[in-house]
Amino acid sequence: QVQLVESGGGLVQAGDSLRLSCAASGRTFSSYAMGWFRQAPGKEREFVAAITWNGGTPYADSVKGRFTISRDSDKNMVYLQMNSLKPEDTAAYYCCAAAAKSYRESYYYQAGGYDCWGQGTQVTVSS
């Protein structure tokens, strides 16, 4: 199992940037696919981005071109760089890890495909 701790959330204005970080513990971190999901009040948790086990980086259409996911396996870190933030990006953001090695990127769009979750970090974007 991998333990995950997110940080970097905050209150920003529309158009600003934030970088979320996810610190992972566990010797097998590099073998996990990593993802970011978000959940706004009263809404379902939704997929944002992932790094698959073979290096793919799928994104939700709503963030494509604005967000970038990356990982530093030497430091056991995953990042989500968020640019051109919009009020609709306001949500709690969760880092997650998936042990499964699927060749279908769509596998990683589903929260059920992930085994471990962080506690979340709040991002609020004001207009």
C-alpha atoms as a PDB file:
ATOM      1  CA  GLN A   1       0.000   0.000   0.000  1.00  0.00           C
ATOM      2  CA  VAL A   2       1.004   3.577  -0.632  1.00  0.00           C
ATOM      3  CA  GLN A   3       0.236   6.453   1.724  1.00  0.00           C
ATOM      4  CA  LEU A   4      -0.496   9.790   0.051  1.00  0.00           C
ATOM      5  CA  VAL A   5      -0.483  13.352   1.377  1.00  0.00           C
ATOM      6  CA  GLU A   6      -1.570  16.291  -0.782  1.00  0.00           C
ATOM      7  CA  SER A   7      -0.554  19.913  -0.372  1.00  0.00           C
ATOM      8  CA  GLY A   8      -0.549  23.166  -2.300  1.00  0.00           C
ATOM      9  CA  GLY A   9      -4.207  24.083  -2.367  1.00  0.00           C
ATOM     10  CA  GLY A  10      -5.442  27.567  -1.617  1.00  0.00           C
ATOM     11  CA  LEU A  11      -7.569  30.544  -2.575  1.00  0.00           C
ATOM     12  CA  VAL A  12      -6.661  32.178  -5.889  1.00  0.00           C
ATOM     13  CA  GLN A  13      -8.264  34.421  -8.480  1.00  0.00           C
ATOM     14  CA  ALA A  14      -9.446  33.362 -11.905  1.00  0.00           C
ATOM     15  CA  GLY A  15      -6.514  33.170 -14.295  1.00  0.00           C
ATOM     16  CA  ASP A  16      -3.984  32.368 -11.578  1.00  0.00           C
ATOM     17  CA  SER A  17      -1.880  29.232 -11.273  1.00  0.00           C
ATOM     18  CA  LEU A  18      -1.357  26.680  -8.508  1.00  0.00           C
ATOM     19  CA  ARG A  19       0.781  23.595  -8.201  1.00  0.00           C
ATOM     20  CA  LEU A  20      -0.537  20.732  -6.136  1.00  0.00           C
ATOM     21  CA  SER A  21       1.889  18.213  -4.692  1.00  0.00           C
ATOM     22  CA  CYS A  22       1.326  14.665  -3.551  1.00  0.00           C
ATOM     23  CA  ALA A  23       3.917  12.994  -1.342  1.00  0.00           C
ATOM     24  CA  ALA A  24       3.850   9.208  -1.474  1.00  0.00           C
ATOM     25  CA  SER A  25       5.383   6.732   0.929  1.00  0.00           C
ATOM     26  CA  GLY A  26       6.151   3.155   0.058  1.00  0.00           C
ATOM     27  CA  ARG A  27       8.992   1.374  -1.684  1.00  0.00           C
ATOM     28  CA  THR A  28       6.833   0.364  -4.654  1.00  0.00           C
ATOM     29  CA  PHE A  29       5.679   3.887  -5.527  1.00  0.00           C
ATOM     30  CA  SER A  30       7.245   3.833  -8.982  1.00  0.00           C
ATOM     31  CA  SER A  31       5.138   0.810  -9.997  1.00  0.00           C
ATOM     32  CA  TYR A  32       1.831   2.586  -9.344  1.00  0.00           C
ATOM     33  CA  ALA A  33      -0.194   4.637 -11.767  1.00  0.00           C
ATOM     34  CA  MET A  34      -1.042   7.973 -10.164  1.00  0.00           C
ATOM     35  CA  GLY A  35      -4.090  10.133 -10.587  1.00  0.00           C
ATOM     36  CA  TRP A  36      -5.783  13.322  -9.501  1.00  0.00           C
ATOM     37  CA  PHE A  37      -9.520  13.588  -8.933  1.00  0.00           C
ATOM     38  CA  ARG A  38     -11.606  16.458  -7.640  1.00  0.00           C
ATOM     39  CA  GLN A  39     -14.933  16.835  -5.901  1.00  0.00           C
ATOM     40  CA  ALA A  40     -16.997  19.990  -5.616  1.00  0.00           C
ATOM     41  CA  PRO A  41     -19.744  20.323  -2.974  1.00  0.00           C
ATOM     42  CA  GLY A  42     -22.843  18.390  -3.987  1.00  0.00           C
ATOM     43  CA  LYS A  43     -21.124  16.800  -6.973  1.00  0.00           C
ATOM     44  CA  GLU A  44     -19.608  13.435  -7.786  1.00  0.00           C
ATOM     45  CA  ARG A  45     -15.871  12.918  -7.582  1.00  0.00           C
ATOM     46  CA  GLU A  46     -14.492  13.417 -11.084  1.00  0.00           C
ATOM     47  CA  PHE A  47     -11.326  12.461 -12.911  1.00  0.00           C
ATOM     48  CA  VAL A  48      -8.802  15.224 -13.600  1.00  0.00           C
ATOM     49  CA  ALA A  49      -5.563  13.607 -14.801  1.00  0.00           C
ATOM     50  CA  ALA A  50      -3.404  10.523 -14.479  1.00  0.00           C
ATOM     51  CA  ILE A  51       0.027   9.133 -15.194  1.00  0.00           C
ATOM     52  CA  THR A  52      -0.419   5.520 -16.194  1.00  0.00           C
ATOM     53  CA  TRP A  53       2.033   2.726 -15.433  1.00  0.00           C
ATOM     54  CA  ASN A  54       3.439   2.951 -18.985  1.00  0.00           C
ATOM     55  CA  GLY A  55       3.746   6.744 -19.052  1.00  0.00           C
ATOM     56  CA  GLY A  56       0.451   7.821 -20.577  1.00  0.00           C
ATOM     57  CA  THR A  57      -1.027  11.107 -19.344  1.00  0.00           C
ATOM     58  CA  PRO A  58      -4.765  11.290 -19.972  1.00  0.00           C
ATOM     59  CA  TYR A  59      -6.647  14.419 -18.940  1.00  0.00           C
ATOM     60  CA  ALA A  60     -10.264  15.359 -18.491  1.00  0.00           C
ATOM     61  CA  ASP A  61     -11.483  17.511 -21.361  1.00  0.00           C
ATOM     62  CA  SER A  62     -12.286  20.315 -18.925  1.00  0.00           C
ATOM     63  CA  VAL A  63      -8.614  20.715 -17.921  1.00  0.00           C
ATOM     64  CA  LYS A  64      -6.802  19.702 -21.092  1.00  0.00           C
ATOM     65  CA  GLY A  65      -4.311  22.372 -22.113  1.00  0.00           C
ATOM     66  CA  ARG A  66      -4.437  24.047 -18.695  1.00  0.00           C
ATOM     67  CA  PHE A  67      -3.325  21.328 -16.252  1.00  0.00           C
ATOM     68  CA  THR A  68      -0.180  19.192 -16.358  1.00  0.00           C
ATOM     69  CA  ILE A  69       0.475  16.092 -14.293  1.00  0.00           C
ATOM     70  CA  SER A  70       4.018  14.945 -13.581  1.00  0.00           C
ATOM     71  CA  ARG A  71       5.886  12.652 -11.238  1.00  0.00           C
ATOM     72  CA  ASP A  72       9.337  12.533  -9.701  1.00  0.00           C
ATOM     73  CA  SER A  73       9.919   8.912  -8.782  1.00  0.00           C
ATOM     74  CA  ASP A  74      13.249   9.705  -7.100  1.00  0.00           C
ATOM     75  CA  LYS A  75      11.398  11.949  -4.647  1.00  0.00           C
ATOM     76  CA  ASN A  76       8.177   9.891  -4.508  1.00  0.00           C
ATOM     77  CA  MET A  77       6.204  12.939  -5.612  1.00  0.00           C
ATOM     78  CA  VAL A  78       3.374  13.619  -8.015  1.00  0.00           C
ATOM     79  CA  TYR A  79       2.425  17.119  -9.097  1.00  0.00           C
ATOM     80  CA  LEU A  80      -0.516  18.813 -10.739  1.00  0.00           C
ATOM     81  CA  GLN A  81       0.354  22.149 -12.314  1.00  0.00           C
ATOM     82  CA  MET A  82      -2.851  24.130 -12.795  1.00  0.00           C
ATOM     83  CA  ASN A  83      -2.793  27.204 -15.013  1.00  0.00           C
ATOM     84  CA  SER A  84      -5.522  29.602 -16.143  1.00  0.00           C
ATOM     85  CA  LEU A  85      -7.707  28.548 -13.245  1.00  0.00           C
ATOM     86  CA  LYS A  86     -11.446  29.076 -13.492  1.00  0.00           C
ATOM     87  CA  PRO A  87     -14.109  29.336 -10.780  1.00  0.00           C
ATOM     88  CA  GLU A  88     -15.454  25.974 -11.952  1.00  0.00           C
ATOM     89  CA  ASP A  89     -12.134  24.398 -10.935  1.00  0.00           C
ATOM     90  CA  THR A  90     -13.078  25.016  -7.302  1.00  0.00           C
ATOM     91  CA  ALA A  91     -13.087  21.657  -5.511  1.00  0.00           C
ATOM     92  CA  ALA A  92     -11.255  19.417  -3.117  1.00  0.00           C
ATOM     93  CA  TYR A  93      -8.456  17.720  -5.057  1.00  0.00           C
ATOM     94  CA  TYR A  94      -7.420  14.167  -4.259  1.00  0.00           C
ATOM     95  CA  CYS A  95      -4.289  12.261  -5.184  1.00  0.00           C
ATOM     96  CA  CYS A  96      -4.628   8.532  -5.722  1.00  0.00           C
ATOM     97  CA  ALA A  97      -2.598   5.470  -6.664  1.00  0.00           C
ATOM     98  CA  ALA A  98      -3.522   2.447  -8.756  1.00  0.00           C
ATOM     99  CA  ALA A  99      -1.635  -0.847  -8.660  1.00  0.00           C
ATOM    100  CA  ALA A 100      -3.419  -2.236 -11.728  1.00  0.00           C
ATOM    101  CA  LYS A 101      -1.558  -2.168 -15.038  1.00  0.00           C
ATOM    102  CA  SER A 102      -4.177  -1.568 -17.682  1.00  0.00           C
ATOM    103  CA  TYR A 103      -3.462  -0.811 -21.318  1.00  0.00           C
ATOM    104  CA  ARG A 104      -6.728   1.101 -21.530  1.00  0.00           C
ATOM    105  CA  GLU A 105      -6.260   4.699 -20.445  1.00  0.00           C
ATOM    106  CA  SER A 106      -9.990   4.843 -19.752  1.00  0.00           C
ATOM    107  CA  TYR A 107      -9.413   2.430 -16.874  1.00  0.00           C
ATOM    108  CA  TYR A 108      -7.797   5.314 -14.992  1.00  0.00           C
ATOM    109  CA  TYR A 109     -10.776   7.630 -15.479  1.00  0.00           C
ATOM    110  CA  GLN A 110     -12.710   5.702 -12.844  1.00  0.00           C
ATOM    111  CA  ALA A 111     -12.233   6.274  -9.123  1.00  0.00           C
ATOM    112  CA  GLY A 112     -12.864   2.582  -8.543  1.00  0.00           C
ATOM    113  CA  GLY A 113      -9.625   1.730 -10.337  1.00  0.00           C
ATOM    114  CA  TYR A 114      -7.520   3.285  -7.580  1.00  0.00           C
ATOM    115  CA  ASP A 115      -6.391   1.589  -4.396  1.00  0.00           C
ATOM    116  CA  CYS A 116      -5.103   4.425  -2.243  1.00  0.00           C
ATOM    117  CA  TRP A 117      -6.286   7.966  -1.644  1.00  0.00           C
ATOM    118  CA  GLY A 118      -4.974  11.063   0.082  1.00  0.00           C
ATOM    119  CA  GLN A 119      -7.015  13.274   2.389  1.00  0.00           C
ATOM    120  CA  GLY A 120      -7.494  16.009  -0.209  1.00  0.00           C
ATOM    121  CA  THR A 121      -6.488  19.656  -0.568  1.00  0.00           C
ATOM    122  CA  GLN A 122      -8.957  22.463  -1.211  1.00  0.00           C
ATOM    123  CA  VAL A 123      -8.659  24.708  -4.250  1.00  0.00           C
ATOM    124  CA  THR A 124     -10.915  27.768  -4.398  1.00  0.00           C
ATOM    125  CA  VAL A 125     -10.928  30.034  -7.441  1.00  0.00           C
ATOM    126  CA  SER A 126     -12.688  33.363  -7.128  1.00  0.00           C
ATOM    127  CA  SER A 127     -14.066  35.245 -10.121  1.00  0.00           C
END
